[in-house]
Amino acid sequence: MSIYSLLSLSFALCAVYCCVILIFPETYKQTSSKKRINTLIGISILCYSVGLVLLYFLRECNILSIQVDIKLALIIIPSITVFLFVANIFCPAFCIMLKHNKNETKIATQFNRLIFQYKYQGDKRIESIKELEEFQDANQKFLCEQGIELYIPELIKQSNNALHLAPEKLINMLEDYSIQLIRQTSDYTPNPFTNSNIVFSFGISTLLTLVLSYITIIP
């Protein structure tokens, strides 16, 4: 097998796998990182397609014409495919989700601080009400995703002044939920792809099997 065929097959496998990711439901599609990761995968598919076209036009090049032993090629092809997937898709997607999760943790911490300030610090209650209004406007999408977009406006609405608090049940509910949000975002480990652990385990076990087979077959 020539290096041209080897690289072409590796690029083609990567492109096909990226298309499969876009078609089938994955973990990242349930988060706000969906759009950015889909864009990343789309760009990767385009790059692999361009790479295949370039390889086709350069197929007569001396380097690409070098022949590789078929047994060695069976080891190299999955190795290149796994490496490209990890470096080009998995790691960037993981970083995108990690950054998004850090931002959500920051928002949840800010929310908890404002509720605490509203409930326990009477001298800062007017300030906290104003900050809650600003927080609501700045993080509307986050609040909608968490299903609490209606509660903060109601808390603000029922707080006419520094002395008149909203119902205690509403305040306690928001306080408990803010603590739950902090715990939830802090303990969350981003995993963009549902079966990534299975894929990596299968890939590594396949590579080890091929390597051992190649070694034992060598005279």
N, C-alpha and C. Protein backbone atom coordinates (compact mmCIF):
# COMPACT_ATOMS: atom_id res chain seq x y z
N MET A 1 0.85 -1.19 0.00
CA MET A 1 0.00 0.00 0.00
C MET A 1 0.89 1.25 0.00
N SER A 2 0.54 2.21 -0.87
CA SER A 2 1.32 3.44 -0.95
C SER A 2 0.95 4.40 0.18
N ILE A 3 1.84 5.34 0.45
CA ILE A 3 1.56 6.35 1.47
C ILE A 3 0.35 7.19 1.06
N TYR A 4 0.19 7.40 -0.25
CA TYR A 4 -0.98 8.13 -0.75
C TYR A 4 -2.28 7.43 -0.33
N SER A 5 -2.34 6.13 -0.56
CA SER A 5 -3.55 5.36 -0.18
C SER A 5 -3.75 5.37 1.33
N LEU A 6 -2.65 5.25 2.05
CA LEU A 6 -2.70 5.22 3.50
C LEU A 6 -3.28 6.52 4.07
N LEU A 7 -2.76 7.66 3.60
CA LEU A 7 -3.23 8.96 4.08
C LEU A 7 -4.65 9.24 3.62
N SER A 8 -4.95 8.86 2.38
CA SER A 8 -6.30 9.09 1.84
C SER A 8 -7.34 8.33 2.66
N LEU A 9 -7.04 7.10 2.98
CA LEU A 9 -7.97 6.29 3.76
C LEU A 9 -8.15 6.87 5.17
N SER A 10 -7.06 7.34 5.76
CA SER A 10 -7.13 7.94 7.11
C SER A 10 -7.99 9.19 7.10
N PHE A 11 -7.77 10.08 6.12
CA PHE A 11 -8.55 11.32 6.01
C PHE A 11 -10.02 11.01 5.76
N ALA A 12 -10.26 10.01 4.89
CA ALA A 12 -11.64 9.64 4.56
C ALA A 12 -12.37 9.11 5.80
N LEU A 13 -11.69 8.27 6.58
CA LEU A 13 -12.29 7.75 7.81
C LEU A 13 -12.62 8.87 8.79
N CYS A 14 -11.72 9.85 8.93
CA CYS A 14 -11.96 10.99 9.81
C CYS A 14 -13.17 11.80 9.35
N ALA A 15 -13.26 12.04 8.04
CA ALA A 15 -14.37 12.81 7.49
C ALA A 15 -15.70 12.09 7.70
N VAL A 16 -15.71 10.78 7.48
CA VAL A 16 -16.93 9.98 7.66
C VAL A 16 -17.36 10.00 9.13
N TYR A 17 -16.38 9.85 10.03
CA TYR A 17 -16.71 9.85 11.46
C TYR A 17 -17.28 11.20 11.90
N CYS A 18 -16.73 12.29 11.37
CA CYS A 18 -17.25 13.63 11.69
C CYS A 18 -18.68 13.78 11.20
N CYS A 19 -18.97 13.24 10.02
CA CYS A 19 -20.35 13.29 9.50
C CYS A 19 -21.30 12.50 10.39
N VAL A 20 -20.81 11.37 10.88
CA VAL A 20 -21.63 10.54 11.79
C VAL A 20 -21.95 11.31 13.07
N ILE A 21 -20.95 12.03 13.59
CA ILE A 21 -21.16 12.83 14.81
C ILE A 21 -22.23 13.88 14.59
N LEU A 22 -22.22 14.52 13.42
CA LEU A 22 -23.21 15.56 13.13
C LEU A 22 -24.62 14.99 12.99
N ILE A 23 -24.72 13.76 12.52
CA ILE A 23 -26.03 13.15 12.28
C ILE A 23 -26.65 12.59 13.56
N PHE A 24 -25.86 11.87 14.33
CA PHE A 24 -26.39 11.19 15.50
C PHE A 24 -26.37 12.10 16.74
N PRO A 25 -27.30 11.88 17.69
CA PRO A 25 -27.34 12.69 18.92
C PRO A 25 -26.10 12.45 19.77
N GLU A 26 -25.52 13.53 20.25
CA GLU A 26 -24.34 13.45 21.10
C GLU A 26 -24.54 14.33 22.33
N THR A 27 -23.71 14.12 23.35
CA THR A 27 -23.85 14.84 24.62
C THR A 27 -23.75 16.34 24.43
N TYR A 28 -22.80 16.80 23.62
CA TYR A 28 -22.58 18.24 23.47
C TYR A 28 -23.78 18.96 22.87
N LYS A 29 -24.64 18.22 22.14
CA LYS A 29 -25.80 18.84 21.49
C LYS A 29 -26.88 19.24 22.50
N GLN A 30 -26.73 18.78 23.73
CA GLN A 30 -27.68 19.15 24.78
C GLN A 30 -27.19 20.35 25.58
N THR A 31 -26.09 20.95 25.17
CA THR A 31 -25.52 22.09 25.88
C THR A 31 -25.48 23.32 24.97
N SER A 32 -25.10 24.45 25.55
CA SER A 32 -24.98 25.69 24.79
C SER A 32 -23.75 25.69 23.88
N SER A 33 -22.90 24.67 24.02
CA SER A 33 -21.70 24.58 23.17
C SER A 33 -22.00 23.94 21.82
N LYS A 34 -23.24 23.56 21.60
CA LYS A 34 -23.63 22.84 20.38
C LYS A 34 -23.19 23.57 19.11
N LYS A 35 -23.51 24.85 19.01
CA LYS A 35 -23.23 25.61 17.79
C LYS A 35 -21.74 25.67 17.50
N ARG A 36 -20.94 25.97 18.53
CA ARG A 36 -19.49 26.11 18.33
C ARG A 36 -18.84 24.78 17.95
N ILE A 37 -19.27 23.69 18.59
CA ILE A 37 -18.68 22.39 18.28
C ILE A 37 -19.11 21.91 16.90
N ASN A 38 -20.37 22.17 16.53
CA ASN A 38 -20.82 21.83 15.18
C ASN A 38 -20.01 22.58 14.12
N THR A 39 -19.71 23.86 14.42
CA THR A 39 -18.89 24.65 13.50
C THR A 39 -17.49 24.05 13.39
N LEU A 40 -16.93 23.65 14.55
CA LEU A 40 -15.61 23.01 14.58
C LEU A 40 -15.59 21.75 13.73
N ILE A 41 -16.62 20.92 13.87
CA ILE A 41 -16.69 19.66 13.11
C ILE A 41 -16.86 19.95 11.63
N GLY A 42 -17.69 20.95 11.30
CA GLY A 42 -17.89 21.32 9.90
C GLY A 42 -16.60 21.78 9.24
N ILE A 43 -15.82 22.59 9.96
CA ILE A 43 -14.52 23.06 9.45
C ILE A 43 -13.57 21.87 9.27
N SER A 44 -13.62 20.92 10.20
CA SER A 44 -12.75 19.74 10.11
C SER A 44 -13.09 18.91 8.88
N ILE A 45 -14.39 18.72 8.61
CA ILE A 45 -14.80 17.97 7.43
C ILE A 45 -14.29 18.66 6.17
N LEU A 46 -14.41 19.99 6.14
CA LEU A 46 -13.91 20.75 4.99
C LEU A 46 -12.40 20.57 4.82
N CYS A 47 -11.66 20.62 5.94
CA CYS A 47 -10.20 20.44 5.89
C CYS A 47 -9.82 19.05 5.38
N TYR A 48 -10.53 18.02 5.87
CA TYR A 48 -10.25 16.66 5.40
C TYR A 48 -10.55 16.52 3.91
N SER A 49 -11.64 17.16 3.46
CA SER A 49 -12.01 17.10 2.04
C SER A 49 -10.95 17.78 1.18
N VAL A 50 -10.49 18.96 1.63
CA VAL A 50 -9.43 19.66 0.91
C VAL A 50 -8.15 18.82 0.91
N GLY A 51 -7.85 18.18 2.04
CA GLY A 51 -6.67 17.32 2.13
C GLY A 51 -6.74 16.17 1.15
N LEU A 52 -7.93 15.56 1.00
CA LEU A 52 -8.10 14.46 0.05
C LEU A 52 -7.89 14.92 -1.39
N VAL A 53 -8.40 16.12 -1.71
CA VAL A 53 -8.24 16.67 -3.06
C VAL A 53 -6.76 16.94 -3.34
N LEU A 54 -6.06 17.54 -2.36
CA LEU A 54 -4.64 17.82 -2.54
C LEU A 54 -3.83 16.54 -2.71
N LEU A 55 -4.17 15.53 -1.90
CA LEU A 55 -3.47 14.25 -2.03
C LEU A 55 -3.68 13.64 -3.42
N TYR A 56 -4.89 13.81 -3.94
CA TYR A 56 -5.19 13.25 -5.27
C TYR A 56 -4.32 13.89 -6.34
N PHE A 57 -4.18 15.21 -6.27
CA PHE A 57 -3.37 15.90 -7.28
C PHE A 57 -1.88 15.67 -7.10
N LEU A 58 -1.49 15.30 -5.87
CA LEU A 58 -0.07 15.06 -5.60
C LEU A 58 0.27 13.58 -5.52
N ARG A 59 -0.65 12.74 -5.99
CA ARG A 59 -0.48 11.29 -5.83
C ARG A 59 0.75 10.74 -6.56
N GLU A 60 1.22 11.45 -7.60
CA GLU A 60 2.38 11.00 -8.35
C GLU A 60 3.70 11.42 -7.70
N CYS A 61 3.60 12.18 -6.61
CA CYS A 61 4.80 12.65 -5.91
C CYS A 61 5.60 11.45 -5.40
N ASN A 62 6.91 11.58 -5.43
CA ASN A 62 7.78 10.46 -5.04
C ASN A 62 7.51 9.98 -3.61
N ILE A 63 7.34 10.93 -2.70
CA ILE A 63 7.11 10.56 -1.29
C ILE A 63 5.81 9.78 -1.14
N LEU A 64 4.74 10.25 -1.80
CA LEU A 64 3.44 9.60 -1.68
C LEU A 64 3.39 8.26 -2.41
N SER A 65 4.35 8.04 -3.29
CA SER A 65 4.38 6.79 -4.05
C SER A 65 5.11 5.67 -3.30
N ILE A 66 5.77 6.01 -2.21
CA ILE A 66 6.51 5.00 -1.44
C ILE A 66 5.55 3.93 -0.93
N GLN A 67 5.94 2.69 -1.09
CA GLN A 67 5.10 1.57 -0.67
C GLN A 67 5.35 1.20 0.80
N VAL A 68 4.26 0.90 1.48
CA VAL A 68 4.33 0.51 2.90
C VAL A 68 3.78 -0.89 3.03
N ASP A 69 4.42 -1.69 3.84
CA ASP A 69 3.94 -3.05 4.09
C ASP A 69 2.51 -3.01 4.60
N ILE A 70 1.66 -3.90 4.07
CA ILE A 70 0.23 -3.89 4.39
C ILE A 70 -0.03 -4.08 5.88
N LYS A 71 0.78 -4.93 6.53
CA LYS A 71 0.58 -5.15 7.97
C LYS A 71 0.90 -3.88 8.76
N LEU A 72 1.94 -3.18 8.33
CA LEU A 72 2.30 -1.92 8.98
C LEU A 72 1.24 -0.85 8.71
N ALA A 73 0.69 -0.88 7.50
CA ALA A 73 -0.36 0.09 7.13
C ALA A 73 -1.60 -0.09 8.01
N LEU A 74 -1.92 -1.34 8.36
CA LEU A 74 -3.08 -1.62 9.22
C LEU A 74 -2.91 -1.04 10.61
N ILE A 75 -1.67 -0.84 11.02
CA ILE A 75 -1.39 -0.21 12.30
C ILE A 75 -1.40 1.31 12.17
N ILE A 76 -0.82 1.80 11.08
CA ILE A 76 -0.68 3.26 10.90
C ILE A 76 -2.03 3.94 10.66
N ILE A 77 -2.90 3.32 9.84
CA ILE A 77 -4.18 3.96 9.48
C ILE A 77 -5.04 4.27 10.71
N PRO A 78 -5.35 3.29 11.58
CA PRO A 78 -6.14 3.63 12.77
C PRO A 78 -5.41 4.58 13.72
N SER A 79 -4.06 4.49 13.74
CA SER A 79 -3.28 5.40 14.60
C SER A 79 -3.46 6.84 14.15
N ILE A 80 -3.34 7.08 12.84
CA ILE A 80 -3.51 8.44 12.31
C ILE A 80 -4.94 8.92 12.53
N THR A 81 -5.91 8.03 12.31
CA THR A 81 -7.32 8.40 12.47
C THR A 81 -7.63 8.80 13.90
N VAL A 82 -7.19 7.98 14.84
CA VAL A 82 -7.43 8.28 16.26
C VAL A 82 -6.72 9.57 16.67
N PHE A 83 -5.48 9.74 16.22
CA PHE A 83 -4.72 10.94 16.55
C PHE A 83 -5.41 12.20 16.02
N LEU A 84 -5.85 12.16 14.77
CA LEU A 84 -6.52 13.32 14.16
C LEU A 84 -7.83 13.64 14.90
N PHE A 85 -8.57 12.59 15.27
CA PHE A 85 -9.83 12.81 15.98
C PHE A 85 -9.58 13.46 17.34
N VAL A 86 -8.59 12.95 18.07
CA VAL A 86 -8.30 13.49 19.40
C VAL A 86 -7.79 14.93 19.31
N ALA A 87 -6.83 15.17 18.39
CA ALA A 87 -6.20 16.48 18.29
C ALA A 87 -7.10 17.52 17.65
N ASN A 88 -7.92 17.09 16.68
CA ASN A 88 -8.68 18.05 15.89
C ASN A 88 -10.13 18.22 16.33
N ILE A 89 -10.68 17.20 16.99
CA ILE A 89 -12.10 17.25 17.37
C ILE A 89 -12.29 17.16 18.89
N PHE A 90 -11.81 16.07 19.48
CA PHE A 90 -12.12 15.81 20.88
C PHE A 90 -11.55 16.87 21.82
N CYS A 91 -10.24 17.14 21.71
CA CYS A 91 -9.60 18.10 22.62
C CYS A 91 -10.19 19.51 22.50
N PRO A 92 -10.34 20.05 21.26
CA PRO A 92 -10.97 21.38 21.15
C PRO A 92 -12.40 21.40 21.68
N ALA A 93 -13.18 20.33 21.40
CA ALA A 93 -14.56 20.27 21.89
C ALA A 93 -14.60 20.22 23.42
N PHE A 94 -13.68 19.45 23.99
CA PHE A 94 -13.58 19.36 25.46
C PHE A 94 -13.25 20.73 26.04
N CYS A 95 -12.31 21.45 25.42
CA CYS A 95 -11.92 22.78 25.91
C CYS A 95 -13.07 23.78 25.80
N ILE A 96 -13.84 23.68 24.72
CA ILE A 96 -15.01 24.56 24.54
C ILE A 96 -16.02 24.33 25.66
N MET A 97 -16.31 23.05 25.94
CA MET A 97 -17.28 22.73 26.99
C MET A 97 -16.75 23.08 28.37
N LEU A 98 -15.44 22.90 28.57
CA LEU A 98 -14.83 23.24 29.86
C LEU A 98 -14.92 24.74 30.12
N LYS A 99 -14.63 25.53 29.09
CA LYS A 99 -14.72 26.99 29.22
C LYS A 99 -16.16 27.42 29.49
N HIS A 100 -17.09 26.79 28.80
CA HIS A 100 -18.51 27.11 29.02
C HIS A 100 -18.94 26.75 30.43
N ASN A 101 -18.45 25.60 30.93
CA ASN A 101 -18.82 25.17 32.28
C ASN A 101 -18.25 26.12 33.34
N LYS A 102 -17.01 26.61 33.12
CA LYS A 102 -16.41 27.58 34.04
C LYS A 102 -17.23 28.86 34.07
N ASN A 103 -17.72 29.27 32.92
CA ASN A 103 -18.54 30.47 32.85
C ASN A 103 -19.86 30.27 33.59
N GLU A 104 -20.45 29.08 33.45
CA GLU A 104 -21.70 28.78 34.17
C GLU A 104 -21.47 28.73 35.68
N THR A 105 -20.32 28.20 36.10
CA THR A 105 -19.99 28.18 37.53
C THR A 105 -19.86 29.60 38.07
N LYS A 106 -19.25 30.46 37.29
CA LYS A 106 -19.09 31.88 37.67
C LYS A 106 -20.46 32.56 37.81
N ILE A 107 -21.35 32.28 36.86
CA ILE A 107 -22.70 32.86 36.89
C ILE A 107 -23.46 32.35 38.10
N ALA A 108 -23.37 31.03 38.35
CA ALA A 108 -24.08 30.43 39.50
C ALA A 108 -23.57 31.00 40.82
N THR A 109 -22.26 31.23 40.92
CA THR A 109 -21.67 31.82 42.13
C THR A 109 -22.16 33.25 42.33
N GLN A 110 -22.22 33.99 41.25
CA GLN A 110 -22.71 35.37 41.32
C GLN A 110 -24.17 35.39 41.75
N PHE A 111 -24.95 34.49 41.21
CA PHE A 111 -26.37 34.39 41.56
C PHE A 111 -26.55 34.08 43.04
N ASN A 112 -25.76 33.14 43.55
CA ASN A 112 -25.81 32.77 44.96
C ASN A 112 -25.44 33.95 45.85
N ARG A 113 -24.42 34.70 45.45
CA ARG A 113 -23.98 35.86 46.22
C ARG A 113 -25.09 36.93 46.29
N LEU A 114 -25.77 37.16 45.17
CA LEU A 114 -26.83 38.18 45.13
C LEU A 114 -28.02 37.78 46.00
N ILE A 115 -28.38 36.49 45.95
CA ILE A 115 -29.50 36.02 46.78
C ILE A 115 -29.14 36.10 48.27
N PHE A 116 -27.91 35.72 48.59
CA PHE A 116 -27.43 35.81 49.98
C PHE A 116 -27.46 37.26 50.45
N GLN A 117 -26.97 38.15 49.61
CA GLN A 117 -26.94 39.58 49.95
C GLN A 117 -28.35 40.12 50.12
N TYR A 118 -29.26 39.69 49.27
CA TYR A 118 -30.66 40.14 49.35
C TYR A 118 -31.32 39.66 50.65
N LYS A 119 -31.04 38.41 51.02
CA LYS A 119 -31.72 37.79 52.16
C LYS A 119 -31.16 38.22 53.51
N TYR A 120 -29.83 38.31 53.60
CA TYR A 120 -29.22 38.49 54.91
C TYR A 120 -28.62 39.87 55.17
N GLN A 121 -28.34 40.63 54.13
CA GLN A 121 -27.68 41.93 54.32
C GLN A 121 -28.66 43.05 53.98
N GLY A 122 -29.40 43.44 55.01
CA GLY A 122 -30.43 44.46 54.81
C GLY A 122 -29.91 45.80 54.32
N ASP A 123 -28.69 46.16 54.74
CA ASP A 123 -28.14 47.45 54.33
C ASP A 123 -27.74 47.47 52.85
N LYS A 124 -27.65 46.29 52.24
CA LYS A 124 -27.27 46.21 50.83
C LYS A 124 -28.42 45.70 49.96
N ARG A 125 -29.64 45.68 50.52
CA ARG A 125 -30.76 45.07 49.81
C ARG A 125 -31.15 45.85 48.55
N ILE A 126 -31.17 47.16 48.64
CA ILE A 126 -31.51 47.97 47.47
C ILE A 126 -30.48 47.75 46.37
N GLU A 127 -29.23 47.69 46.78
CA GLU A 127 -28.15 47.45 45.82
C GLU A 127 -28.27 46.07 45.19
N SER A 128 -28.64 45.07 46.02
CA SER A 128 -28.76 43.71 45.50
C SER A 128 -29.93 43.58 44.53
N ILE A 129 -31.03 44.32 44.79
CA ILE A 129 -32.18 44.30 43.88
C ILE A 129 -31.77 44.86 42.51
N LYS A 130 -31.03 45.95 42.54
CA LYS A 130 -30.55 46.55 41.29
C LYS A 130 -29.60 45.59 40.56
N GLU A 131 -28.73 44.94 41.31
CA GLU A 131 -27.78 44.00 40.70
C GLU A 131 -28.51 42.77 40.15
N LEU A 132 -29.59 42.36 40.82
CA LEU A 132 -30.38 41.24 40.32
C LEU A 132 -31.03 41.58 38.99
N GLU A 133 -31.48 42.82 38.86
CA GLU A 133 -32.06 43.26 37.59
C GLU A 133 -31.02 43.21 36.47
N GLU A 134 -29.81 43.67 36.77
CA GLU A 134 -28.73 43.66 35.79
C GLU A 134 -28.31 42.22 35.48
N PHE A 135 -28.26 41.39 36.53
CA PHE A 135 -27.91 39.98 36.36
C PHE A 135 -28.93 39.27 35.46
N GLN A 136 -30.19 39.58 35.66
CA GLN A 136 -31.26 38.98 34.87
C GLN A 136 -31.13 39.35 33.39
N ASP A 137 -30.85 40.61 33.12
CA ASP A 137 -30.70 41.07 31.73
C ASP A 137 -29.47 40.46 31.05
N ALA A 138 -28.39 40.32 31.82
CA ALA A 138 -27.12 39.85 31.24
C ALA A 138 -27.08 38.33 31.05
N ASN A 139 -27.91 37.60 31.82
CA ASN A 139 -27.84 36.13 31.79
C ASN A 139 -29.19 35.49 31.50
N GLN A 140 -29.96 36.12 30.64
CA GLN A 140 -31.30 35.64 30.32
C GLN A 140 -31.27 34.22 29.75
N LYS A 141 -30.31 33.96 28.88
CA LYS A 141 -30.21 32.63 28.26
C LYS A 141 -29.92 31.56 29.30
N PHE A 142 -28.99 31.84 30.21
CA PHE A 142 -28.64 30.89 31.26
C PHE A 142 -29.85 30.60 32.15
N LEU A 143 -30.57 31.65 32.52
CA LEU A 143 -31.73 31.49 33.40
C LEU A 143 -32.84 30.69 32.71
N CYS A 144 -33.00 30.88 31.40
CA CYS A 144 -34.00 30.13 30.65
C CYS A 144 -33.64 28.65 30.60
N GLU A 145 -32.34 28.37 30.40
CA GLU A 145 -31.88 26.98 30.36
C GLU A 145 -32.09 26.28 31.69
N GLN A 146 -31.98 27.03 32.79
CA GLN A 146 -32.13 26.45 34.12
C GLN A 146 -33.58 26.46 34.60
N GLY A 147 -34.46 27.10 33.83
CA GLY A 147 -35.88 27.12 34.16
C GLY A 147 -36.26 28.04 35.30
N ILE A 148 -35.47 29.08 35.55
CA ILE A 148 -35.78 30.01 36.65
C ILE A 148 -35.94 31.44 36.15
N GLU A 149 -36.19 31.60 34.85
CA GLU A 149 -36.28 32.95 34.28
C GLU A 149 -37.49 33.74 34.79
N LEU A 150 -38.50 33.03 35.34
CA LEU A 150 -39.70 33.71 35.83
C LEU A 150 -39.61 34.07 37.32
N TYR A 151 -38.70 33.45 38.03
CA TYR A 151 -38.65 33.62 39.48
C TYR A 151 -37.93 34.89 39.91
N ILE A 152 -36.86 35.23 39.24
CA ILE A 152 -36.12 36.45 39.62
C ILE A 152 -36.96 37.71 39.38
N PRO A 153 -37.64 37.84 38.21
CA PRO A 153 -38.50 39.02 38.03
C PRO A 153 -39.58 39.12 39.11
N GLU A 154 -40.09 37.95 39.53
CA GLU A 154 -41.12 37.95 40.57
C GLU A 154 -40.54 38.38 41.91
N LEU A 155 -39.30 37.95 42.18
CA LEU A 155 -38.62 38.37 43.41
C LEU A 155 -38.42 39.88 43.42
N ILE A 156 -37.99 40.42 42.30
CA ILE A 156 -37.77 41.87 42.18
C ILE A 156 -39.09 42.62 42.28
N LYS A 157 -40.12 42.08 41.63
CA LYS A 157 -41.43 42.74 41.60
C LYS A 157 -42.03 42.86 43.01
N GLN A 158 -41.83 41.82 43.82
CA GLN A 158 -42.42 41.81 45.15
C GLN A 158 -41.52 42.46 46.21
N SER A 159 -40.40 43.05 45.77
CA SER A 159 -39.50 43.76 46.68
C SER A 159 -39.63 45.25 46.41
N ASN A 160 -40.62 45.88 47.04
CA ASN A 160 -40.90 47.29 46.76
C ASN A 160 -39.84 48.22 47.34
N ASN A 161 -39.23 47.81 48.42
CA ASN A 161 -38.21 48.64 49.04
C ASN A 161 -37.30 47.76 49.89
N ALA A 162 -36.39 48.40 50.58
CA ALA A 162 -35.41 47.65 51.37
C ALA A 162 -36.04 46.89 52.53
N LEU A 163 -37.23 47.31 52.96
CA LEU A 163 -37.88 46.68 54.11
C LEU A 163 -38.87 45.60 53.70
N HIS A 164 -39.45 45.77 52.51
CA HIS A 164 -40.47 44.83 52.05
C HIS A 164 -39.84 43.72 51.23
N LEU A 165 -39.70 42.54 51.82
CA LEU A 165 -39.08 41.41 51.13
C LEU A 165 -40.13 40.61 50.37
N ALA A 166 -39.65 39.86 49.39
CA ALA A 166 -40.51 38.91 48.69
C ALA A 166 -40.85 37.77 49.65
N PRO A 167 -41.84 36.93 49.32
CA PRO A 167 -42.20 35.81 50.21
C PRO A 167 -40.99 34.95 50.55
N GLU A 168 -40.92 34.54 51.80
CA GLU A 168 -39.77 33.77 52.28
C GLU A 168 -39.59 32.47 51.50
N LYS A 169 -40.71 31.86 51.12
CA LYS A 169 -40.66 30.60 50.37
C LYS A 169 -39.93 30.80 49.03
N LEU A 170 -40.21 31.92 48.36
CA LEU A 170 -39.57 32.21 47.08
C LEU A 170 -38.07 32.47 47.27
N ILE A 171 -37.73 33.22 48.31
CA ILE A 171 -36.31 33.51 48.59
C ILE A 171 -35.55 32.23 48.90
N ASN A 172 -36.12 31.39 49.75
CA ASN A 172 -35.46 30.13 50.13
C ASN A 172 -35.30 29.20 48.93
N MET A 173 -36.31 29.19 48.07
CA MET A 173 -36.24 28.34 46.89
C MET A 173 -35.09 28.76 45.98
N LEU A 174 -34.96 30.07 45.75
CA LEU A 174 -33.90 30.59 44.90
C LEU A 174 -32.52 30.38 45.55
N GLU A 175 -32.47 30.50 46.86
CA GLU A 175 -31.20 30.28 47.56
C GLU A 175 -30.77 28.82 47.44
N ASP A 176 -31.71 27.90 47.66
CA ASP A 176 -31.41 26.47 47.54
C ASP A 176 -31.00 26.12 46.11
N TYR A 177 -31.69 26.72 45.15
CA TYR A 177 -31.40 26.41 43.76
C TYR A 177 -30.03 26.96 43.35
N SER A 178 -29.67 28.13 43.88
CA SER A 178 -28.35 28.70 43.56
C SER A 178 -27.23 27.82 44.10
N ILE A 179 -27.42 27.26 45.30
CA ILE A 179 -26.43 26.34 45.88
C ILE A 179 -26.35 25.06 45.05
N GLN A 180 -27.52 24.58 44.62
CA GLN A 180 -27.56 23.38 43.78
C GLN A 180 -26.85 23.62 42.44
N LEU A 181 -27.03 24.80 41.88
CA LEU A 181 -26.38 25.13 40.62
C LEU A 181 -24.86 25.14 40.75
N ILE A 182 -24.37 25.73 41.85
CA ILE A 182 -22.92 25.76 42.08
C ILE A 182 -22.37 24.35 42.19
N ARG A 183 -23.05 23.51 42.95
CA ARG A 183 -22.61 22.12 43.12
C ARG A 183 -22.65 21.37 41.79
N GLN A 184 -23.71 21.61 41.04
CA GLN A 184 -23.90 20.92 39.77
C GLN A 184 -22.82 21.30 38.75
N THR A 185 -22.54 22.59 38.62
CA THR A 185 -21.55 23.05 37.65
C THR A 185 -20.12 22.73 38.09
N SER A 186 -19.88 22.73 39.40
CA SER A 186 -18.53 22.45 39.91
C SER A 186 -18.18 20.98 39.74
N ASP A 187 -19.17 20.09 39.90
CA ASP A 187 -18.92 18.65 39.82
C ASP A 187 -19.01 18.12 38.40
N TYR A 188 -19.43 18.95 37.46
CA TYR A 188 -19.65 18.49 36.09
C TYR A 188 -18.33 18.27 35.36
N THR A 189 -18.19 17.12 34.71
CA THR A 189 -17.01 16.82 33.90
C THR A 189 -17.43 16.78 32.43
N PRO A 190 -16.95 17.73 31.64
CA PRO A 190 -17.37 17.78 30.23
C PRO A 190 -16.99 16.51 29.48
N ASN A 191 -17.94 15.98 28.72
CA ASN A 191 -17.68 14.83 27.85
C ASN A 191 -18.49 15.04 26.58
N PRO A 192 -17.87 15.63 25.56
CA PRO A 192 -18.62 16.03 24.36
C PRO A 192 -19.34 14.90 23.66
N PHE A 193 -18.74 13.69 23.69
CA PHE A 193 -19.28 12.59 22.91
C PHE A 193 -19.67 11.43 23.81
N THR A 194 -20.86 10.91 23.59
CA THR A 194 -21.45 9.90 24.46
C THR A 194 -20.57 8.68 24.62
N ASN A 195 -20.10 8.15 23.50
CA ASN A 195 -19.37 6.88 23.53
C ASN A 195 -17.87 7.06 23.32
N SER A 196 -17.34 8.22 23.70
CA SER A 196 -15.92 8.48 23.46
C SER A 196 -15.03 7.50 24.22
N ASN A 197 -15.42 7.15 25.45
CA ASN A 197 -14.61 6.18 26.23
C ASN A 197 -14.58 4.82 25.55
N ILE A 198 -15.73 4.42 25.01
CA ILE A 198 -15.80 3.13 24.32
C ILE A 198 -14.95 3.16 23.06
N VAL A 199 -15.05 4.28 22.32
CA VAL A 199 -14.29 4.42 21.08
C VAL A 199 -12.79 4.35 21.36
N PHE A 200 -12.33 5.09 22.40
CA PHE A 200 -10.91 5.10 22.73
C PHE A 200 -10.45 3.71 23.20
N SER A 201 -11.27 3.06 24.00
CA SER A 201 -10.91 1.72 24.48
C SER A 201 -10.79 0.75 23.31
N PHE A 202 -11.77 0.84 22.40
CA PHE A 202 -11.74 -0.04 21.22
C PHE A 202 -10.53 0.27 20.34
N GLY A 203 -10.27 1.57 20.15
CA GLY A 203 -9.14 1.99 19.31
C GLY A 203 -7.82 1.51 19.88
N ILE A 204 -7.63 1.69 21.19
CA ILE A 204 -6.37 1.29 21.82
C ILE A 204 -6.21 -0.23 21.79
N SER A 205 -7.29 -0.95 22.11
CA SER A 205 -7.21 -2.41 22.10
C SER A 205 -6.94 -2.94 20.69
N THR A 206 -7.54 -2.28 19.68
CA THR A 206 -7.31 -2.69 18.29
C THR A 206 -5.86 -2.46 17.89
N LEU A 207 -5.33 -1.29 18.25
CA LEU A 207 -3.92 -0.98 17.93
C LEU A 207 -2.97 -1.96 18.59
N LEU A 208 -3.23 -2.26 19.88
CA LEU A 208 -2.37 -3.21 20.59
C LEU A 208 -2.42 -4.59 19.94
N THR A 209 -3.61 -4.99 19.54
CA THR A 209 -3.77 -6.30 18.89
C THR A 209 -2.99 -6.35 17.58
N LEU A 210 -3.11 -5.27 16.79
CA LEU A 210 -2.40 -5.22 15.51
C LEU A 210 -0.89 -5.20 15.70
N VAL A 211 -0.43 -4.41 16.67
CA VAL A 211 1.01 -4.34 16.94
C VAL A 211 1.55 -5.70 17.36
N LEU A 212 0.86 -6.36 18.29
CA LEU A 212 1.30 -7.68 18.76
C LEU A 212 1.26 -8.70 17.63
N SER A 213 0.21 -8.60 16.80
CA SER A 213 0.12 -9.53 15.67
C SER A 213 1.27 -9.32 14.71
N TYR A 214 1.57 -8.04 14.46
CA TYR A 214 2.67 -7.73 13.51
C TYR A 214 4.01 -8.23 14.04
N ILE A 215 4.22 -8.04 15.34
CA ILE A 215 5.49 -8.46 15.95
C ILE A 215 5.64 -9.98 15.90
N THR A 216 4.56 -10.67 16.20
CA THR A 216 4.65 -12.14 16.24
C THR A 216 4.77 -12.75 14.85
N ILE A 217 4.27 -12.01 13.84
CA ILE A 217 4.33 -12.54 12.47
C ILE A 217 5.70 -12.34 11.86
N ILE A 218 6.43 -11.31 12.33
CA ILE A 218 7.77 -11.02 11.76
C ILE A 218 8.66 -12.25 11.94
N PRO A 219 9.30 -12.70 10.87
CA PRO A 219 10.19 -13.88 10.97
C PRO A 219 11.36 -13.62 11.90
